[in-house]
Amino acid sequence: MKQTIALVDDDRNILTSVQMTLEQEGFTVVTYTDGESALQALLAKPVECWTLKCPAWTAWSCCKSCVPAPPCR
């Protein structure tokens, strides 16, 4: 079973580049351009791993919002 990785970044070019690379490595990737939409989606359907880079939201902000995800390997 493929692992699903959530990527959050306000730069669509970065999201596309990282998404393509991860998909080539066999991962399923979901992307979000802001922390708020990512939070709502991840609360509804958690993923195995996520990374976040947005000015308004830090990874710590998302963690404090109780989005469960084990560390990326």
C-alpha atoms as a PDB file:
ATOM      1  CA  MET A   1       0.000   0.000   0.000  1.00  0.00           C
ATOM      2  CA  LYS A   2       1.313   3.421  -0.952  1.00  0.00           C
ATOM      3  CA  GLN A   3       1.982   5.939   1.781  1.00  0.00           C
ATOM      4  CA  THR A   4       0.167   9.245   1.415  1.00  0.00           C
ATOM      5  CA  ILE A   5       2.100  12.440   2.012  1.00  0.00           C
ATOM      6  CA  ALA A   6       0.479  15.853   2.453  1.00  0.00           C
ATOM      7  CA  LEU A   7       2.424  18.884   1.294  1.00  0.00           C
ATOM      8  CA  VAL A   8       1.485  22.428   2.266  1.00  0.00           C
ATOM      9  CA  ASP A   9       3.189  25.399   0.648  1.00  0.00           C
ATOM     10  CA  ASP A  10       1.964  28.727  -0.673  1.00  0.00           C
ATOM     11  CA  ASP A  11       4.231  28.375  -3.714  1.00  0.00           C
ATOM     12  CA  ARG A  12       2.500  26.211  -6.336  1.00  0.00           C
ATOM     13  CA  ASN A  13       5.745  25.694  -8.267  1.00  0.00           C
ATOM     14  CA  ILE A  14       7.400  24.120  -5.238  1.00  0.00           C
ATOM     15  CA  LEU A  15       4.333  21.973  -4.582  1.00  0.00           C
ATOM     16  CA  THR A  16       4.313  20.703  -8.158  1.00  0.00           C
ATOM     17  CA  SER A  17       8.042  19.936  -8.184  1.00  0.00           C
ATOM     18  CA  VAL A  18       8.024  18.090  -4.880  1.00  0.00           C
ATOM     19  CA  GLN A  19       4.772  16.301  -5.737  1.00  0.00           C
ATOM     20  CA  MET A  20       6.180  15.015  -9.039  1.00  0.00           C
ATOM     21  CA  THR A  21       9.354  13.782  -7.360  1.00  0.00           C
ATOM     22  CA  LEU A  22       7.491  11.973  -4.585  1.00  0.00           C
ATOM     23  CA  GLU A  23       5.023  10.404  -7.008  1.00  0.00           C
ATOM     24  CA  GLN A  24       7.928   9.101  -9.088  1.00  0.00           C
ATOM     25  CA  GLU A  25       9.176   7.446  -5.886  1.00  0.00           C
ATOM     26  CA  GLY A  26       5.820   5.705  -5.472  1.00  0.00           C
ATOM     27  CA  PHE A  27       4.056   7.915  -2.934  1.00  0.00           C
ATOM     28  CA  THR A  28       0.536   9.263  -3.152  1.00  0.00           C
ATOM     29  CA  VAL A  29       0.690  13.035  -2.653  1.00  0.00           C
ATOM     30  CA  VAL A  30      -2.007  15.530  -1.703  1.00  0.00           C
ATOM     31  CA  THR A  31      -1.214  19.239  -1.817  1.00  0.00           C
ATOM     32  CA  TYR A  32      -2.615  22.349  -0.177  1.00  0.00           C
ATOM     33  CA  THR A  33      -1.710  25.994  -0.688  1.00  0.00           C
ATOM     34  CA  ASP A  34      -2.640  27.181   2.795  1.00  0.00           C
ATOM     35  CA  GLY A  35      -2.584  25.819   6.309  1.00  0.00           C
ATOM     36  CA  GLU A  36      -6.275  26.315   6.984  1.00  0.00           C
ATOM     37  CA  SER A  37      -7.461  24.118   4.110  1.00  0.00           C
ATOM     38  CA  ALA A  38      -4.798  21.542   4.945  1.00  0.00           C
ATOM     39  CA  LEU A  39      -5.885  21.464   8.574  1.00  0.00           C
ATOM     40  CA  GLN A  40      -9.521  20.867   7.659  1.00  0.00           C
ATOM     41  CA  ALA A  41      -8.639  18.112   5.200  1.00  0.00           C
ATOM     42  CA  LEU A  42      -6.118  16.412   7.511  1.00  0.00           C
ATOM     43  CA  LEU A  43      -8.516  16.426  10.429  1.00  0.00           C
ATOM     44  CA  ALA A  44     -11.087  14.709   8.206  1.00  0.00           C
ATOM     45  CA  LYS A  45      -8.640  12.244   6.655  1.00  0.00           C
ATOM     46  CA  PRO A  46      -5.199  11.971   8.291  1.00  0.00           C
ATOM     47  CA  VAL A  47      -2.205  10.936   6.207  1.00  0.00           C
ATOM     48  CA  GLU A  48       0.967   9.068   7.089  1.00  0.00           C
ATOM     49  CA  CYS A  49       3.236  12.073   6.720  1.00  0.00           C
ATOM     50  CA  TRP A  50       2.984  15.793   6.136  1.00  0.00           C
ATOM     51  CA  THR A  51       5.200  18.790   5.715  1.00  0.00           C
ATOM     52  CA  LEU A  52       4.237  22.429   5.923  1.00  0.00           C
ATOM     53  CA  LYS A  53       5.767  25.664   4.645  1.00  0.00           C
ATOM     54  CA  CYS A  54       3.505  28.696   4.690  1.00  0.00           C
ATOM     55  CA  PRO A  55       4.122  32.154   6.126  1.00  0.00           C
ATOM     56  CA  ALA A  56       0.886  32.223   8.112  1.00  0.00           C
ATOM     57  CA  TRP A  57       1.198  28.673   9.458  1.00  0.00           C
ATOM     58  CA  THR A  58       4.215  26.904  10.813  1.00  0.00           C
ATOM     59  CA  ALA A  59       4.542  23.182  11.325  1.00  0.00           C
ATOM     60  CA  TRP A  60       4.233  23.916  15.034  1.00  0.00           C
ATOM     61  CA  SER A  61       0.884  25.682  14.486  1.00  0.00           C
ATOM     62  CA  CYS A  62      -0.431  22.632  12.704  1.00  0.00           C
ATOM     63  CA  CYS A  63       0.902  20.291  15.407  1.00  0.00           C
ATOM     64  CA  LYS A  64      -0.785  22.351  18.093  1.00  0.00           C
ATOM     65  CA  SER A  65      -4.034  21.919  16.161  1.00  0.00           C
ATOM     66  CA  CYS A  66      -3.768  18.185  16.822  1.00  0.00           C
ATOM     67  CA  VAL A  67      -3.280  16.952  13.299  1.00  0.00           C
ATOM     68  CA  PRO A  68      -1.924  13.440  13.854  1.00  0.00           C
ATOM     69  CA  ALA A  69       0.998  12.364  11.708  1.00  0.00           C
ATOM     70  CA  PRO A  70       4.052  10.317  12.549  1.00  0.00           C
ATOM     71  CA  PRO A  71       7.423  11.721  11.520  1.00  0.00           C
ATOM     72  CA  CYS A  72       8.451  11.357   7.888  1.00  0.00           C
ATOM     73  CA  ARG A  73      10.998   8.672   7.165  1.00  0.00           C
END
